[in-house]
Amino acid sequence: MPDPEPGDARSLVGTGGIAVLLLLLVGLIGIAWWVPTEWLEQVGTLERAWSRQALGERSAVAVLDLARRWVAMQRDQKDASIAGQSMRADPQVSVLIDGVDPDWLVDRAKAVRLLVELACLRAALLTAWAPALGLLLVAGVLEGHWRWRIRQLGFDYPSPVARQASQTGLTLVVGLLLLTLLLPLPLHPFVIPLLTLIAVRLIGTGITHLPKQL
């Protein structure tokens, strides 16, 4: 049986990536459509409280201020976009929203605003962790590289099973990290470094078990 061509593998990876992006987009639309605003407010309040407890007052204030600045930038861009548009109502838009409960539209607009605030808060939290996570990633890559170099000198052959398991685990961890950042569920600040530690370990294992070079 012939081996699959590299181009076919890249095509499958690209198709899978597009499918994942489409699923995430559909999920975000569904969240904005159905999730109650009260739940989003509770999640935001809980995450801010967790940030103050876990990061300390100084770091938490910096993270929350950064998130507020990003939210303000988003609002300014939205206001400028609205101001640049014509005040005349589009007939097609009027037909689409005709018969829709105005209170429901206001509630969904508030839900979208809360989702943006939650996304900015988590992006600010990820930015705060970025320097430490970058150092962990470099350490994991170097550890895997030197373990791989040591294996070159002996008869300890790499394990394809371990390499495949590390790749699968890394895919799952990255997917889980994306879900925790996007889903409107309470996210503790320590979840991000915990998942990163697991990812770093899997990256090091994958590099360690790369094929030998003669």
Protein backbone atom coordinates (compact mmCIF):
# COMPACT_ATOMS: atom_id res chain seq x y z
CA MET A 1 0.00 0.00 0.00
CA PRO A 2 1.58 3.31 -1.05
CA ASP A 3 2.40 5.90 1.59
CA PRO A 4 0.32 9.08 1.56
CA GLU A 5 1.90 12.01 -0.21
CA PRO A 6 3.04 14.97 1.92
CA GLY A 7 0.73 17.22 -0.07
CA ASP A 8 -2.23 15.05 0.88
CA ALA A 9 -1.31 15.28 4.55
CA ARG A 10 -1.01 19.06 4.36
CA SER A 11 -4.35 19.21 2.58
CA LEU A 12 -5.99 17.18 5.34
CA VAL A 13 -4.45 19.40 8.01
CA GLY A 14 -5.65 22.52 6.19
CA THR A 15 -9.16 21.11 5.83
CA GLY A 16 -9.24 20.17 9.49
CA GLY A 17 -8.09 23.66 10.49
CA ILE A 18 -10.83 25.29 8.41
CA ALA A 19 -13.41 22.94 9.93
CA VAL A 20 -12.26 23.83 13.45
CA LEU A 21 -12.46 27.56 12.68
CA LEU A 22 -15.97 27.15 11.28
CA LEU A 23 -17.05 25.20 14.36
CA LEU A 24 -15.61 27.90 16.63
CA LEU A 25 -17.43 30.59 14.63
CA VAL A 26 -20.73 28.70 14.85
CA GLY A 27 -20.16 28.17 18.56
CA LEU A 28 -19.54 31.87 19.18
CA ILE A 29 -22.67 32.80 17.24
CA GLY A 30 -24.66 30.28 19.28
CA ILE A 31 -23.23 31.69 22.52
CA ALA A 32 -24.15 35.25 21.53
CA TRP A 33 -27.62 34.01 20.53
CA TRP A 34 -28.60 31.94 23.56
CA VAL A 35 -26.41 32.53 26.66
CA PRO A 36 -28.21 34.65 29.30
CA THR A 37 -26.65 38.01 30.09
CA GLU A 38 -26.94 37.28 33.82
CA TRP A 39 -24.63 34.28 33.42
CA LEU A 40 -22.06 36.34 31.49
CA GLU A 41 -22.12 39.02 34.20
CA GLN A 42 -21.56 36.39 36.90
CA VAL A 43 -18.66 34.84 34.97
CA GLY A 44 -16.99 38.22 34.51
CA THR A 45 -17.40 39.13 38.18
CA LEU A 46 -16.06 35.76 39.33
CA GLU A 47 -13.01 35.91 37.04
CA ARG A 48 -12.13 39.41 38.25
CA ALA A 49 -12.35 38.23 41.86
CA TRP A 50 -10.17 35.20 41.07
CA SER A 51 -7.61 37.44 39.37
CA ARG A 52 -7.30 39.59 42.50
CA GLN A 53 -6.92 36.53 44.72
CA ALA A 54 -4.50 34.56 42.52
CA LEU A 55 -2.34 37.30 40.99
CA GLY A 56 -2.13 39.74 43.86
CA GLU A 57 -3.55 43.25 43.92
CA ARG A 58 -0.80 44.91 41.86
CA SER A 59 -0.77 42.37 39.02
CA ALA A 60 -4.55 42.07 39.03
CA VAL A 61 -4.97 45.85 38.74
CA ALA A 62 -2.57 45.90 35.77
CA VAL A 63 -4.45 43.06 34.03
CA LEU A 64 -7.87 44.61 34.65
CA ASP A 65 -6.69 48.05 33.48
CA LEU A 66 -5.31 46.54 30.27
CA ALA A 67 -8.60 44.74 29.66
CA ARG A 68 -10.55 47.96 30.24
CA ARG A 69 -8.36 49.84 27.77
CA TRP A 70 -8.96 47.19 25.12
CA VAL A 71 -12.70 47.30 25.75
CA ALA A 72 -12.65 51.09 25.44
CA MET A 73 -10.75 50.81 22.15
CA GLN A 74 -13.35 48.40 20.81
CA ARG A 75 -16.15 50.76 21.80
CA ASP A 76 -14.41 53.74 20.18
CA GLN A 77 -13.96 51.81 16.93
CA LYS A 78 -17.61 50.77 17.01
CA ASP A 79 -18.77 54.36 17.62
CA ALA A 80 -16.60 55.62 14.77
CA SER A 81 -17.98 52.95 12.45
CA ILE A 82 -21.55 53.87 13.34
CA ALA A 83 -20.84 57.59 12.90
CA GLY A 84 -19.37 56.98 9.45
CA GLN A 85 -22.47 55.15 8.23
CA SER A 86 -25.56 56.79 6.83
CA MET A 87 -28.32 57.49 9.29
CA ARG A 88 -30.86 56.27 6.75
CA ALA A 89 -32.11 52.81 7.69
CA ASP A 90 -31.37 50.02 5.25
CA PRO A 91 -34.67 48.52 3.97
CA GLN A 92 -33.17 45.02 3.90
CA VAL A 93 -32.10 45.28 7.54
CA SER A 94 -35.53 46.61 8.46
CA VAL A 95 -37.15 43.59 6.82
CA LEU A 96 -34.85 41.20 8.70
CA ILE A 97 -35.54 42.65 12.14
CA ASP A 98 -39.22 43.35 11.51
CA GLY A 99 -41.27 41.51 14.12
CA VAL A 100 -38.31 40.80 16.41
CA ASP A 101 -38.81 41.74 20.05
CA PRO A 102 -36.85 44.98 20.70
CA ASP A 103 -36.13 43.89 24.28
CA TRP A 104 -34.57 40.68 22.96
CA LEU A 105 -32.37 42.68 20.57
CA VAL A 106 -31.21 44.90 23.43
CA ASP A 107 -30.50 41.84 25.58
CA ARG A 108 -28.46 40.18 22.81
CA ALA A 109 -26.53 43.39 22.18
CA LYS A 110 -25.66 43.43 25.89
CA ALA A 111 -24.61 39.77 25.68
CA VAL A 112 -22.26 40.56 22.79
CA ARG A 113 -20.78 43.45 24.78
CA LEU A 114 -20.22 41.18 27.79
CA LEU A 115 -18.58 38.56 25.56
CA VAL A 116 -16.20 41.21 24.22
CA GLU A 117 -15.35 42.29 27.77
CA LEU A 118 -14.74 38.67 28.77
CA ALA A 119 -12.52 38.08 25.74
CA CYS A 120 -10.50 41.23 26.50
CA LEU A 121 -10.08 40.15 30.13
CA ARG A 122 -8.78 36.72 29.13
CA ALA A 123 -6.52 38.19 26.44
CA ALA A 124 -5.05 40.55 29.05
CA LEU A 125 -4.55 37.61 31.41
CA LEU A 126 -2.81 35.65 28.66
CA THR A 127 -0.60 38.68 27.95
CA ALA A 128 0.37 38.86 31.62
CA TRP A 129 1.39 35.19 31.60
CA ALA A 130 3.16 35.44 28.21
CA PRO A 131 6.76 36.12 29.43
CA ALA A 132 6.75 33.20 31.86
CA LEU A 133 5.04 30.92 29.35
CA GLY A 134 7.60 31.86 26.71
CA LEU A 135 10.45 30.88 29.03
CA LEU A 136 8.74 27.58 29.79
CA LEU A 137 8.34 26.89 26.08
CA VAL A 138 12.01 27.61 25.38
CA ALA A 139 13.03 25.37 28.29
CA GLY A 140 10.84 22.53 27.01
CA VAL A 141 12.24 22.77 23.48
CA LEU A 142 15.85 22.85 24.73
CA GLU A 143 15.27 19.90 27.07
CA GLY A 144 13.75 17.85 24.26
CA HIS A 145 16.57 18.83 21.90
CA TRP A 146 19.36 17.82 24.28
CA ARG A 147 17.66 14.57 25.18
CA TRP A 148 17.40 13.86 21.46
CA ARG A 149 21.10 14.68 21.01
CA ILE A 150 22.03 12.32 23.85
CA ARG A 151 20.01 9.53 22.21
CA GLN A 152 22.06 10.01 19.04
CA LEU A 153 25.16 8.81 20.90
CA GLY A 154 23.74 5.55 22.23
CA PHE A 155 21.46 2.67 21.36
CA ASP A 156 18.35 4.14 22.97
CA TYR A 157 16.11 4.35 19.94
CA PRO A 158 13.17 6.76 19.73
CA SER A 159 9.63 5.53 20.20
CA PRO A 160 7.18 6.32 17.38
CA VAL A 161 4.33 5.56 19.78
CA ALA A 162 5.58 8.15 22.28
CA ARG A 163 6.06 10.70 19.49
CA GLN A 164 2.54 10.12 18.13
CA ALA A 165 1.06 10.22 21.64
CA SER A 166 2.79 13.53 22.34
CA GLN A 167 1.46 15.02 19.09
CA THR A 168 -2.08 13.85 19.84
CA GLY A 169 -1.88 15.09 23.42
CA LEU A 170 -0.53 18.46 22.29
CA THR A 171 -3.42 18.85 19.85
CA LEU A 172 -5.91 18.08 22.62
CA VAL A 173 -4.26 20.48 25.06
CA VAL A 174 -4.17 23.33 22.53
CA GLY A 175 -7.81 22.67 21.67
CA LEU A 176 -8.73 22.64 25.35
CA LEU A 177 -6.86 25.92 25.87
CA LEU A 178 -8.78 27.53 23.01
CA LEU A 179 -12.06 26.28 24.43
CA THR A 180 -11.27 27.63 27.90
CA LEU A 181 -10.44 31.01 26.39
CA LEU A 182 -13.57 31.17 24.21
CA LEU A 183 -16.30 29.46 26.21
CA PRO A 184 -18.28 31.61 28.68
CA LEU A 185 -17.32 29.42 31.63
CA PRO A 186 -15.39 30.68 34.68
CA LEU A 187 -11.65 30.51 33.94
CA HIS A 188 -9.25 30.50 36.88
CA PRO A 189 -5.98 32.35 36.15
CA PHE A 190 -3.92 29.25 36.96
CA VAL A 191 -5.61 27.15 34.27
CA ILE A 192 -3.55 28.83 31.52
CA PRO A 193 -0.09 28.06 33.02
CA LEU A 194 -1.23 24.56 33.99
CA LEU A 195 -2.22 23.71 30.42
CA THR A 196 0.97 25.35 29.17
CA LEU A 197 3.09 23.16 31.45
CA ILE A 198 1.39 20.07 30.04
CA ALA A 199 1.92 21.35 26.48
CA VAL A 200 5.61 22.07 27.17
CA ARG A 201 6.11 18.55 28.51
CA LEU A 202 4.44 17.06 25.43
CA ILE A 203 6.56 19.22 23.11
CA GLY A 204 9.74 18.07 24.86
CA THR A 205 8.66 14.42 24.60
CA GLY A 206 7.89 14.81 20.90
CA ILE A 207 11.31 16.34 20.19
CA THR A 208 13.08 13.70 22.29
CA HIS A 209 11.58 10.90 20.20
CA LEU A 210 12.31 12.38 16.79
CA PRO A 211 13.96 9.86 14.41
CA LYS A 212 17.71 9.46 14.66
CA GLN A 213 19.96 11.14 12.11
CA LEU A 214 22.86 9.02 10.97
